Structures are given as C-alpha cells and as structure tokens.
N, C-alpha and C. Protein backbone atom coordinates (compact mmCIF):
# COMPACT_ATOMS: atom_id res chain seq x y z
N MET A 1 58.34 12.65 14.56
CA MET A 1 56.91 12.88 14.47
C MET A 1 56.55 14.14 15.26
N ASN A 2 55.78 14.99 14.65
CA ASN A 2 55.32 16.19 15.33
C ASN A 2 54.20 15.85 16.29
N LEU A 3 54.04 16.69 17.29
CA LEU A 3 52.92 16.51 18.22
C LEU A 3 51.62 16.87 17.53
N PRO A 4 50.56 16.13 17.83
CA PRO A 4 49.26 16.52 17.29
C PRO A 4 48.87 17.88 17.88
N SER A 5 48.11 18.62 17.14
CA SER A 5 47.62 19.91 17.63
C SER A 5 46.63 19.68 18.77
N TYR A 6 46.33 20.75 19.44
CA TYR A 6 45.31 20.71 20.51
C TYR A 6 44.02 20.12 19.97
N GLU A 7 43.58 20.60 18.80
CA GLU A 7 42.33 20.14 18.20
C GLU A 7 42.39 18.66 17.84
N ALA A 8 43.52 18.22 17.34
CA ALA A 8 43.68 16.82 16.94
C ALA A 8 43.69 15.89 18.15
N MET A 9 44.12 16.40 19.32
CA MET A 9 44.16 15.57 20.53
C MET A 9 42.81 15.48 21.23
N MET A 10 41.89 16.39 20.91
CA MET A 10 40.59 16.42 21.59
C MET A 10 39.84 15.10 21.52
N PRO A 11 39.77 14.40 20.38
CA PRO A 11 39.04 13.13 20.37
C PRO A 11 39.59 12.10 21.36
N ALA A 12 40.90 12.06 21.53
CA ALA A 12 41.49 11.12 22.49
C ALA A 12 41.13 11.52 23.93
N VAL A 13 41.15 12.82 24.21
CA VAL A 13 40.77 13.30 25.54
C VAL A 13 39.29 12.98 25.80
N LEU A 14 38.45 13.25 24.82
CA LEU A 14 37.02 12.99 24.99
C LEU A 14 36.73 11.51 25.15
N LYS A 15 37.49 10.67 24.48
CA LYS A 15 37.31 9.22 24.62
C LYS A 15 37.60 8.77 26.05
N VAL A 16 38.63 9.33 26.66
CA VAL A 16 38.97 9.00 28.04
C VAL A 16 37.85 9.44 28.98
N LEU A 17 37.24 10.56 28.68
CA LEU A 17 36.21 11.13 29.56
C LEU A 17 34.79 10.68 29.20
N ALA A 18 34.64 9.88 28.16
CA ALA A 18 33.32 9.54 27.62
C ALA A 18 32.42 8.78 28.58
N ASP A 19 32.97 8.07 29.55
CA ASP A 19 32.12 7.28 30.45
C ASP A 19 31.46 8.14 31.53
N GLY A 20 31.80 9.42 31.57
CA GLY A 20 31.17 10.33 32.51
C GLY A 20 31.74 10.34 33.91
N HIS A 21 32.73 9.50 34.17
CA HIS A 21 33.36 9.48 35.50
C HIS A 21 34.41 10.58 35.60
N ALA A 22 34.45 11.24 36.73
CA ALA A 22 35.49 12.24 36.97
C ALA A 22 36.83 11.51 37.09
N ARG A 23 37.83 12.02 36.43
CA ARG A 23 39.15 11.41 36.47
C ARG A 23 40.19 12.48 36.78
N PRO A 24 41.20 12.10 37.55
CA PRO A 24 42.29 13.05 37.79
C PRO A 24 42.98 13.39 36.45
N LEU A 25 43.46 14.60 36.33
CA LEU A 25 44.14 15.02 35.11
C LEU A 25 45.31 14.09 34.80
N ARG A 26 45.98 13.61 35.81
CA ARG A 26 47.11 12.69 35.61
C ARG A 26 46.67 11.45 34.85
N GLU A 27 45.51 10.90 35.22
CA GLU A 27 45.01 9.70 34.54
C GLU A 27 44.63 10.01 33.09
N VAL A 28 43.99 11.14 32.87
CA VAL A 28 43.65 11.54 31.50
C VAL A 28 44.93 11.68 30.67
N PHE A 29 45.92 12.35 31.24
CA PHE A 29 47.21 12.54 30.57
C PHE A 29 47.84 11.20 30.21
N GLU A 30 47.88 10.27 31.17
CA GLU A 30 48.51 8.97 30.94
C GLU A 30 47.79 8.19 29.85
N ARG A 31 46.47 8.22 29.85
CA ARG A 31 45.70 7.48 28.84
C ARG A 31 45.87 8.08 27.45
N VAL A 32 45.90 9.40 27.38
CA VAL A 32 46.11 10.04 26.07
C VAL A 32 47.52 9.72 25.57
N CYS A 33 48.49 9.73 26.44
CA CYS A 33 49.87 9.40 26.04
C CYS A 33 49.96 7.96 25.57
N GLN A 34 49.24 7.04 26.20
CA GLN A 34 49.22 5.65 25.76
C GLN A 34 48.59 5.54 24.37
N HIS A 35 47.55 6.31 24.16
CA HIS A 35 46.86 6.31 22.86
C HIS A 35 47.82 6.70 21.73
N TYR A 36 48.60 7.74 21.96
CA TYR A 36 49.49 8.25 20.93
C TYR A 36 50.88 7.63 20.94
N THR A 37 51.24 6.91 21.98
CA THR A 37 52.59 6.35 22.13
C THR A 37 53.69 7.38 21.81
N PHE A 38 53.66 8.49 22.52
CA PHE A 38 54.64 9.55 22.33
C PHE A 38 56.04 9.06 22.69
N THR A 39 57.02 9.62 22.04
CA THR A 39 58.41 9.33 22.36
C THR A 39 58.81 10.12 23.60
N SER A 40 59.92 9.75 24.20
CA SER A 40 60.40 10.50 25.37
C SER A 40 60.73 11.94 24.99
N GLU A 41 61.21 12.14 23.78
CA GLU A 41 61.51 13.50 23.31
C GLU A 41 60.24 14.34 23.24
N GLN A 42 59.18 13.77 22.72
CA GLN A 42 57.91 14.49 22.63
C GLN A 42 57.35 14.80 24.02
N LEU A 43 57.50 13.86 24.93
CA LEU A 43 56.98 14.05 26.28
C LEU A 43 57.74 15.08 27.09
N THR A 44 58.97 15.36 26.71
CA THR A 44 59.77 16.32 27.47
C THR A 44 59.86 17.69 26.80
N ALA A 45 59.31 17.82 25.59
CA ALA A 45 59.35 19.12 24.89
C ALA A 45 58.49 20.12 25.68
N THR A 46 59.07 21.27 25.99
CA THR A 46 58.37 22.26 26.81
C THR A 46 57.90 23.45 25.98
N LEU A 47 56.95 24.14 26.55
CA LEU A 47 56.48 25.40 25.98
C LEU A 47 57.60 26.43 26.12
N PRO A 48 57.52 27.54 25.40
CA PRO A 48 58.60 28.53 25.47
C PRO A 48 58.98 28.97 26.89
N GLY A 49 58.03 29.02 27.81
CA GLY A 49 58.34 29.41 29.18
C GLY A 49 59.15 28.37 29.93
N GLY A 50 59.15 27.12 29.42
CA GLY A 50 59.95 26.06 30.01
C GLY A 50 59.38 25.41 31.25
N ARG A 51 58.18 25.79 31.66
CA ARG A 51 57.62 25.27 32.91
C ARG A 51 56.65 24.10 32.69
N GLN A 52 56.09 23.98 31.51
CA GLN A 52 55.10 22.94 31.25
C GLN A 52 55.42 22.28 29.90
N THR A 53 55.17 20.97 29.83
CA THR A 53 55.41 20.30 28.56
C THR A 53 54.27 20.61 27.59
N LYS A 54 54.57 20.52 26.32
CA LYS A 54 53.58 20.79 25.28
C LYS A 54 52.44 19.78 25.36
N VAL A 55 52.79 18.51 25.57
CA VAL A 55 51.76 17.47 25.63
C VAL A 55 50.82 17.72 26.80
N ARG A 56 51.37 17.98 27.98
CA ARG A 56 50.53 18.21 29.16
C ARG A 56 49.63 19.43 28.95
N SER A 57 50.15 20.47 28.33
CA SER A 57 49.36 21.66 28.07
C SER A 57 48.18 21.35 27.16
N ARG A 58 48.41 20.56 26.13
CA ARG A 58 47.34 20.23 25.20
C ARG A 58 46.30 19.32 25.82
N VAL A 59 46.74 18.35 26.60
CA VAL A 59 45.79 17.46 27.27
C VAL A 59 45.00 18.23 28.30
N GLN A 60 45.66 19.05 29.09
CA GLN A 60 44.98 19.84 30.11
C GLN A 60 43.95 20.78 29.48
N GLY A 61 44.33 21.43 28.41
CA GLY A 61 43.39 22.32 27.73
C GLY A 61 42.17 21.57 27.22
N GLY A 62 42.39 20.38 26.69
CA GLY A 62 41.28 19.58 26.20
C GLY A 62 40.37 19.11 27.31
N ALA A 63 40.96 18.72 28.43
CA ALA A 63 40.17 18.26 29.57
C ALA A 63 39.34 19.40 30.16
N ILE A 64 39.91 20.58 30.20
CA ILE A 64 39.17 21.75 30.72
C ILE A 64 38.02 22.09 29.78
N GLN A 65 38.25 22.05 28.49
CA GLN A 65 37.18 22.35 27.53
C GLN A 65 36.06 21.33 27.60
N ALA A 66 36.42 20.07 27.90
CA ALA A 66 35.42 19.00 27.95
C ALA A 66 34.58 19.03 29.21
N SER A 67 35.07 19.72 30.25
CA SER A 67 34.32 19.71 31.51
C SER A 67 33.26 20.77 31.57
C-alpha cells in the first residue's frame, strides 16, 4: 500500500485537532498512524535526505498548516 499524499492525510490530522486542544506533535502523529494502520515498512520509509520519515513529514506539515 502506498502512503497517502499530504493532502489525503489532512482530514485525519484535522480530526485529531478538531477539539481545539493543543496537542504535542507526537500525539497527533500517533493518532494519525492509528487511523491509517500503517505497516512498519511505511513507518520507516524516509525522505531522500534520510533524516525524517515520510509519514512524520506529512503529519507534521498538516499539523503546521492547521495551526
């Protein structure tokens, strides 16, 4: 299964943040991952630079856009 795009992940990120409470990025990341039930392979796939995972980058980008 391919990873959802940044845009496709936004509804899940917004759902986590919908109650208006500030949440640590780690919690947002964990809840989005639970929503999608990513495989370990998907969770460890990194961006070309190798320093950040693709999933974390997409969740972080969505959380920043939502704030």
